[in-house]
Amino acid sequence: IAQGIEMGRPSLLEVEADKRGGVI
């Protein structure tokens, strides 16, 4: 996720989600 670009403070967030049997 790129965020903060419009504010002049570019940020990068890395997100992970595990799923088992279709459930988070």
PDB file of all heavy atoms in Angstrom:
ATOM      1  N   ILE A   1       0.848  -1.191   0.000  1.00  0.00           N
ATOM      2  CA  ILE A   1       0.000   0.000   0.000  1.00  0.00           C
ATOM      3  C   ILE A   1       0.881   1.238   0.000  1.00  0.00           C
ATOM      4  O   ILE A   1       1.666   1.457   0.931  1.00  0.00           O
ATOM      5  CB  ILE A   1      -0.925   0.031   1.233  1.00  0.00           C
ATOM      6  CG1 ILE A   1      -1.788  -1.234   1.292  1.00  0.00           C
ATOM      7  CG2 ILE A   1      -1.801   1.284   1.206  1.00  0.00           C
ATOM      8  CD1 ILE A   1      -2.592  -1.348   2.576  1.00  0.00           C
ATOM      9  N   ALA A   2       0.746   2.054  -1.040  1.00  0.00           N
ATOM     10  CA  ALA A   2       1.416   3.357  -1.094  1.00  0.00           C
ATOM     11  C   ALA A   2       0.462   4.398  -0.522  1.00  0.00           C
ATOM     12  O   ALA A   2      -0.676   4.522  -0.973  1.00  0.00           O
ATOM     13  CB  ALA A   2       1.796   3.707  -2.526  1.00  0.00           C
ATOM     14  N   GLN A   3       0.899   5.141   0.461  1.00  0.00           N
ATOM     15  CA  GLN A   3       0.058   6.138   1.124  1.00  0.00           C
ATOM     16  C   GLN A   3       0.902   7.384   1.382  1.00  0.00           C
ATOM     17  O   GLN A   3       2.127   7.356   1.326  1.00  0.00           O
ATOM     18  CB  GLN A   3      -0.476   5.579   2.445  1.00  0.00           C
ATOM     19  CG  GLN A   3      -1.591   6.395   3.094  1.00  0.00           C
ATOM     20  CD  GLN A   3      -2.024   5.817   4.443  1.00  0.00           C
ATOM     21  OE1 GLN A   3      -1.954   4.606   4.659  1.00  0.00           O
ATOM     22  NE2 GLN A   3      -2.466   6.668   5.351  1.00  0.00           N
ATOM     23  N   GLY A   4       0.269   8.508   1.648  1.00  0.00           N
ATOM     24  CA  GLY A   4       0.978   9.732   2.005  1.00  0.00           C
ATOM     25  C   GLY A   4       1.549  10.498   0.829  1.00  0.00           C
ATOM     26  O   GLY A   4       2.208  11.527   1.019  1.00  0.00           O
ATOM     27  N   ILE A   5       1.316  10.029  -0.379  1.00  0.00           N
ATOM     28  CA  ILE A   5       1.901  10.665  -1.567  1.00  0.00           C
ATOM     29  C   ILE A   5       1.413  12.093  -1.716  1.00  0.00           C
ATOM     30  O   ILE A   5       2.203  13.022  -1.944  1.00  0.00           O
ATOM     31  CB  ILE A   5       1.571   9.838  -2.826  1.00  0.00           C
ATOM     32  CG1 ILE A   5       2.193   8.442  -2.712  1.00  0.00           C
ATOM     33  CG2 ILE A   5       2.061  10.553  -4.086  1.00  0.00           C
ATOM     34  CD1 ILE A   5       1.700   7.468  -3.749  1.00  0.00           C
ATOM     35  N   GLU A   6       0.112  12.306  -1.557  1.00  0.00           N
ATOM     36  CA  GLU A   6      -0.467  13.642  -1.734  1.00  0.00           C
ATOM     37  C   GLU A   6      -0.021  14.599  -0.640  1.00  0.00           C
ATOM     38  O   GLU A   6      -0.108  15.817  -0.808  1.00  0.00           O
ATOM     39  CB  GLU A   6      -2.002  13.548  -1.759  1.00  0.00           C
ATOM     40  CG  GLU A   6      -2.562  12.879  -2.999  1.00  0.00           C
ATOM     41  CD  GLU A   6      -2.427  11.364  -2.984  1.00  0.00           C
ATOM     42  OE1 GLU A   6      -2.075  10.785  -1.911  1.00  0.00           O
ATOM     43  OE2 GLU A   6      -2.658  10.737  -4.024  1.00  0.00           O
ATOM     44  N   MET A   7       0.446  14.082   0.482  1.00  0.00           N
ATOM     45  CA  MET A   7       0.897  14.908   1.591  1.00  0.00           C
ATOM     46  C   MET A   7       2.388  15.229   1.513  1.00  0.00           C
ATOM     47  O   MET A   7       2.927  15.932   2.365  1.00  0.00           O
ATOM     48  CB  MET A   7       0.606  14.204   2.916  1.00  0.00           C
ATOM     49  CG  MET A   7      -0.854  13.885   3.167  1.00  0.00           C
ATOM     50  SD  MET A   7      -1.084  12.968   4.709  1.00  0.00           S
ATOM     51  CE  MET A   7      -0.638  14.229   5.913  1.00  0.00           C
ATOM     52  N   GLY A   8       3.071  14.672   0.525  1.00  0.00           N
ATOM     53  CA  GLY A   8       4.506  14.853   0.438  1.00  0.00           C
ATOM     54  C   GLY A   8       5.279  14.000   1.421  1.00  0.00           C
ATOM     55  O   GLY A   8       6.453  14.265   1.697  1.00  0.00           O
ATOM     56  N   ARG A   9       4.635  12.940   1.962  1.00  0.00           N
ATOM     57  CA  ARG A   9       5.295  12.018   2.889  1.00  0.00           C
ATOM     58  C   ARG A   9       5.037  10.589   2.404  1.00  0.00           C
ATOM     59  O   ARG A   9       4.274   9.825   3.031  1.00  0.00           O
ATOM     60  CB  ARG A   9       4.792  12.208   4.318  1.00  0.00           C
ATOM     61  CG  ARG A   9       5.040  13.608   4.892  1.00  0.00           C
ATOM     62  CD  ARG A   9       4.856  13.617   6.401  1.00  0.00           C
ATOM     63  NE  ARG A   9       5.867  12.809   7.054  1.00  0.00           N
ATOM     64  CZ  ARG A   9       7.043  13.277   7.497  1.00  0.00           C
ATOM     65  NH1 ARG A   9       7.349  14.548   7.326  1.00  0.00           N
ATOM     66  NH2 ARG A   9       7.906  12.480   8.095  1.00  0.00           N
ATOM     67  N   PRO A  10       5.650  10.211   1.282  1.00  0.00           N
ATOM     68  CA  PRO A  10       5.391   8.884   0.726  1.00  0.00           C
ATOM     69  C   PRO A  10       5.709   7.770   1.704  1.00  0.00           C
ATOM     70  O   PRO A  10       6.751   7.775   2.370  1.00  0.00           O
ATOM     71  CB  PRO A  10       6.294   8.837  -0.516  1.00  0.00           C
ATOM     72  CG  PRO A  10       7.324   9.900  -0.290  1.00  0.00           C
ATOM     73  CD  PRO A  10       6.646  10.960   0.516  1.00  0.00           C
ATOM     74  N   SER A  11       4.798   6.811   1.778  1.00  0.00           N
ATOM     75  CA  SER A  11       4.910   5.706   2.724  1.00  0.00           C
ATOM     76  C   SER A  11       4.620   4.404   1.995  1.00  0.00           C
ATOM     77  O   SER A  11       3.900   4.375   0.995  1.00  0.00           O
ATOM     78  CB  SER A  11       3.899   5.878   3.865  1.00  0.00           C
ATOM     79  OG  SER A  11       3.987   7.168   4.438  1.00  0.00           O
ATOM     80  N   LEU A  12       5.162   3.309   2.526  1.00  0.00           N
ATOM     81  CA  LEU A  12       4.905   1.997   1.949  1.00  0.00           C
ATOM     82  C   LEU A  12       4.624   1.015   3.081  1.00  0.00           C
ATOM     83  O   LEU A  12       5.455   0.806   3.967  1.00  0.00           O
ATOM     84  CB  LEU A  12       6.111   1.517   1.135  1.00  0.00           C
ATOM     85  CG  LEU A  12       5.906   0.194   0.390  1.00  0.00           C
ATOM     86  CD1 LEU A  12       4.810   0.338  -0.672  1.00  0.00           C
ATOM     87  CD2 LEU A  12       7.212  -0.261  -0.262  1.00  0.00           C
ATOM     88  N   LEU A  13       3.439   0.412   3.040  1.00  0.00           N
ATOM     89  CA  LEU A  13       3.016  -0.558   4.045  1.00  0.00           C
ATOM     90  C   LEU A  13       2.852  -1.914   3.376  1.00  0.00           C
ATOM     91  O   LEU A  13       2.216  -2.022   2.315  1.00  0.00           O
ATOM     92  CB  LEU A  13       1.686  -0.146   4.687  1.00  0.00           C
ATOM     93  CG  LEU A  13       1.640   1.188   5.428  1.00  0.00           C
ATOM     94  CD1 LEU A  13       1.383   2.348   4.465  1.00  0.00           C
ATOM     95  CD2 LEU A  13       0.558   1.186   6.493  1.00  0.00           C
ATOM     96  N   GLU A  14       3.432  -2.936   3.980  1.00  0.00           N
ATOM     97  CA  GLU A  14       3.326  -4.303   3.465  1.00  0.00           C
ATOM     98  C   GLU A  14       2.321  -5.074   4.315  1.00  0.00           C
ATOM     99  O   GLU A  14       2.421  -5.102   5.538  1.00  0.00           O
ATOM    100  CB  GLU A  14       4.695  -4.990   3.510  1.00  0.00           C
ATOM    101  CG  GLU A  14       5.804  -4.264   2.755  1.00  0.00           C
ATOM    102  CD  GLU A  14       5.628  -4.288   1.248  1.00  0.00           C
ATOM    103  OE1 GLU A  14       4.777  -5.068   0.763  1.00  0.00           O
ATOM    104  OE2 GLU A  14       6.342  -3.541   0.554  1.00  0.00           O
ATOM    105  N   VAL A  15       1.346  -5.692   3.642  1.00  0.00           N
ATOM    106  CA  VAL A  15       0.253  -6.376   4.337  1.00  0.00           C
ATOM    107  C   VAL A  15       0.219  -7.842   3.918  1.00  0.00           C
ATOM    108  O   VAL A  15       0.395  -8.174   2.740  1.00  0.00           O
ATOM    109  CB  VAL A  15      -1.104  -5.721   4.010  1.00  0.00           C
ATOM    110  CG1 VAL A  15      -2.235  -6.400   4.782  1.00  0.00           C
ATOM    111  CG2 VAL A  15      -1.065  -4.238   4.312  1.00  0.00           C
ATOM    112  N   GLU A  16       0.006  -8.717   4.888  1.00  0.00           N
ATOM    113  CA  GLU A  16      -0.162 -10.140   4.629  1.00  0.00           C
ATOM    114  C   GLU A  16      -1.417 -10.642   5.334  1.00  0.00           C
ATOM    115  O   GLU A  16      -1.747 -10.172   6.433  1.00  0.00           O
ATOM    116  CB  GLU A  16       1.042 -10.941   5.154  1.00  0.00           C
ATOM    117  CG  GLU A  16       2.357 -10.603   4.490  1.00  0.00           C
ATOM    118  CD  GLU A  16       3.524 -11.381   5.072  1.00  0.00           C
ATOM    119  OE1 GLU A  16       3.334 -12.033   6.136  1.00  0.00           O
ATOM    120  OE2 GLU A  16       4.603 -11.353   4.472  1.00  0.00           O
ATOM    121  N   ALA A  17      -2.095 -11.603   4.717  1.00  0.00           N
ATOM    122  CA  ALA A  17      -3.254 -12.243   5.334  1.00  0.00           C
ATOM    123  C   ALA A  17      -3.164 -13.743   5.105  1.00  0.00           C
ATOM    124  O   ALA A  17      -2.935 -14.188   3.972  1.00  0.00           O
ATOM    125  CB  ALA A  17      -4.550 -11.701   4.756  1.00  0.00           C
ATOM    126  N   ASP A  18      -3.316 -14.514   6.165  1.00  0.00           N
ATOM    127  CA  ASP A  18      -3.332 -15.973   6.065  1.00  0.00           C
ATOM    128  C   ASP A  18      -4.777 -16.449   5.990  1.00  0.00           C
ATOM    129  O   ASP A  18      -5.651 -15.953   6.723  1.00  0.00           O
ATOM    130  CB  ASP A  18      -2.668 -16.604   7.290  1.00  0.00           C
ATOM    131  CG  ASP A  18      -1.187 -16.288   7.392  1.00  0.00           C
ATOM    132  OD1 ASP A  18      -0.578 -15.930   6.355  1.00  0.00           O
ATOM    133  OD2 ASP A  18      -0.641 -16.401   8.512  1.00  0.00           O
ATOM    134  N   LYS A  19      -5.023 -17.445   5.119  1.00  0.00           N
ATOM    135  CA  LYS A  19      -6.339 -18.059   5.021  1.00  0.00           C
ATOM    136  C   LYS A  19      -6.198 -19.570   5.145  1.00  0.00           C
ATOM    137  O   LYS A  19      -5.296 -20.172   4.553  1.00  0.00           O
ATOM    138  CB  LYS A  19      -7.018 -17.693   3.690  1.00  0.00           C
ATOM    139  CG  LYS A  19      -7.381 -16.220   3.573  1.00  0.00           C
ATOM    140  CD  LYS A  19      -8.067 -15.896   2.249  1.00  0.00           C
ATOM    141  CE  LYS A  19      -9.481 -16.433   2.194  1.00  0.00           C
ATOM    142  NZ  LYS A  19     -10.172 -15.994   0.943  1.00  0.00           N
ATOM    143  N   ARG A  20      -7.083 -20.151   5.923  1.00  0.00           N
ATOM    144  CA  ARG A  20      -7.136 -21.600   6.091  1.00  0.00           C
ATOM    145  C   ARG A  20      -8.590 -22.029   5.932  1.00  0.00           C
ATOM    146  O   ARG A  20      -9.462 -21.564   6.674  1.00  0.00           O
ATOM    147  CB  ARG A  20      -6.614 -22.013   7.478  1.00  0.00           C
ATOM    148  CG  ARG A  20      -5.156 -21.597   7.738  1.00  0.00           C
ATOM    149  CD  ARG A  20      -4.178 -22.399   6.891  1.00  0.00           C
ATOM    150  NE  ARG A  20      -2.791 -22.006   7.158  1.00  0.00           N
ATOM    151  CZ  ARG A  20      -2.130 -21.093   6.460  1.00  0.00           C
ATOM    152  NH1 ARG A  20      -2.748 -20.464   5.448  1.00  0.00           N
ATOM    153  NH2 ARG A  20      -0.877 -20.795   6.753  1.00  0.00           N
ATOM    154  N   GLY A  21      -8.845 -22.902   4.988  1.00  0.00           N
ATOM    155  CA  GLY A  21     -10.214 -23.333   4.729  1.00  0.00           C
ATOM    156  C   GLY A  21     -11.127 -22.183   4.353  1.00  0.00           C
ATOM    157  O   GLY A  21     -12.322 -22.203   4.664  1.00  0.00           O
ATOM    158  N   GLY A  22     -10.575 -21.180   3.681  1.00  0.00           N
ATOM    159  CA  GLY A  22     -11.360 -20.029   3.257  1.00  0.00           C
ATOM    160  C   GLY A  22     -11.587 -19.003   4.346  1.00  0.00           C
ATOM    161  O   GLY A  22     -12.233 -17.979   4.106  1.00  0.00           O
ATOM    162  N   VAL A  23     -11.041 -19.232   5.543  1.00  0.00           N
ATOM    163  CA  VAL A  23     -11.238 -18.337   6.681  1.00  0.00           C
ATOM    164  C   VAL A  23      -9.939 -17.579   6.962  1.00  0.00           C
ATOM    165  O   VAL A  23      -8.848 -18.159   6.938  1.00  0.00           O
ATOM    166  CB  VAL A  23     -11.664 -19.131   7.936  1.00  0.00           C
ATOM    167  CG1 VAL A  23     -11.785 -18.210   9.142  1.00  0.00           C
ATOM    168  CG2 VAL A  23     -12.974 -19.862   7.675  1.00  0.00           C
ATOM    169  N   ILE A  24     -10.059 -16.278   7.221  1.00  0.00           N
ATOM    170  CA  ILE A  24      -8.895 -15.470   7.568  1.00  0.00           C
ATOM    171  C   ILE A  24      -8.437 -15.847   8.978  1.00  0.00           C
ATOM    172  O   ILE A  24      -9.210 -15.777   9.933  1.00  0.00           O
ATOM    173  CB  ILE A  24      -9.228 -13.967   7.510  1.00  0.00           C
ATOM    174  CG1 ILE A  24      -9.671 -13.572   6.097  1.00  0.00           C
ATOM    175  CG2 ILE A  24      -8.033 -13.121   7.939  1.00  0.00           C
ATOM    176  CD1 ILE A  24     -10.254 -12.175   6.009  1.00  0.00           C
TER     177      ILE A  24
END
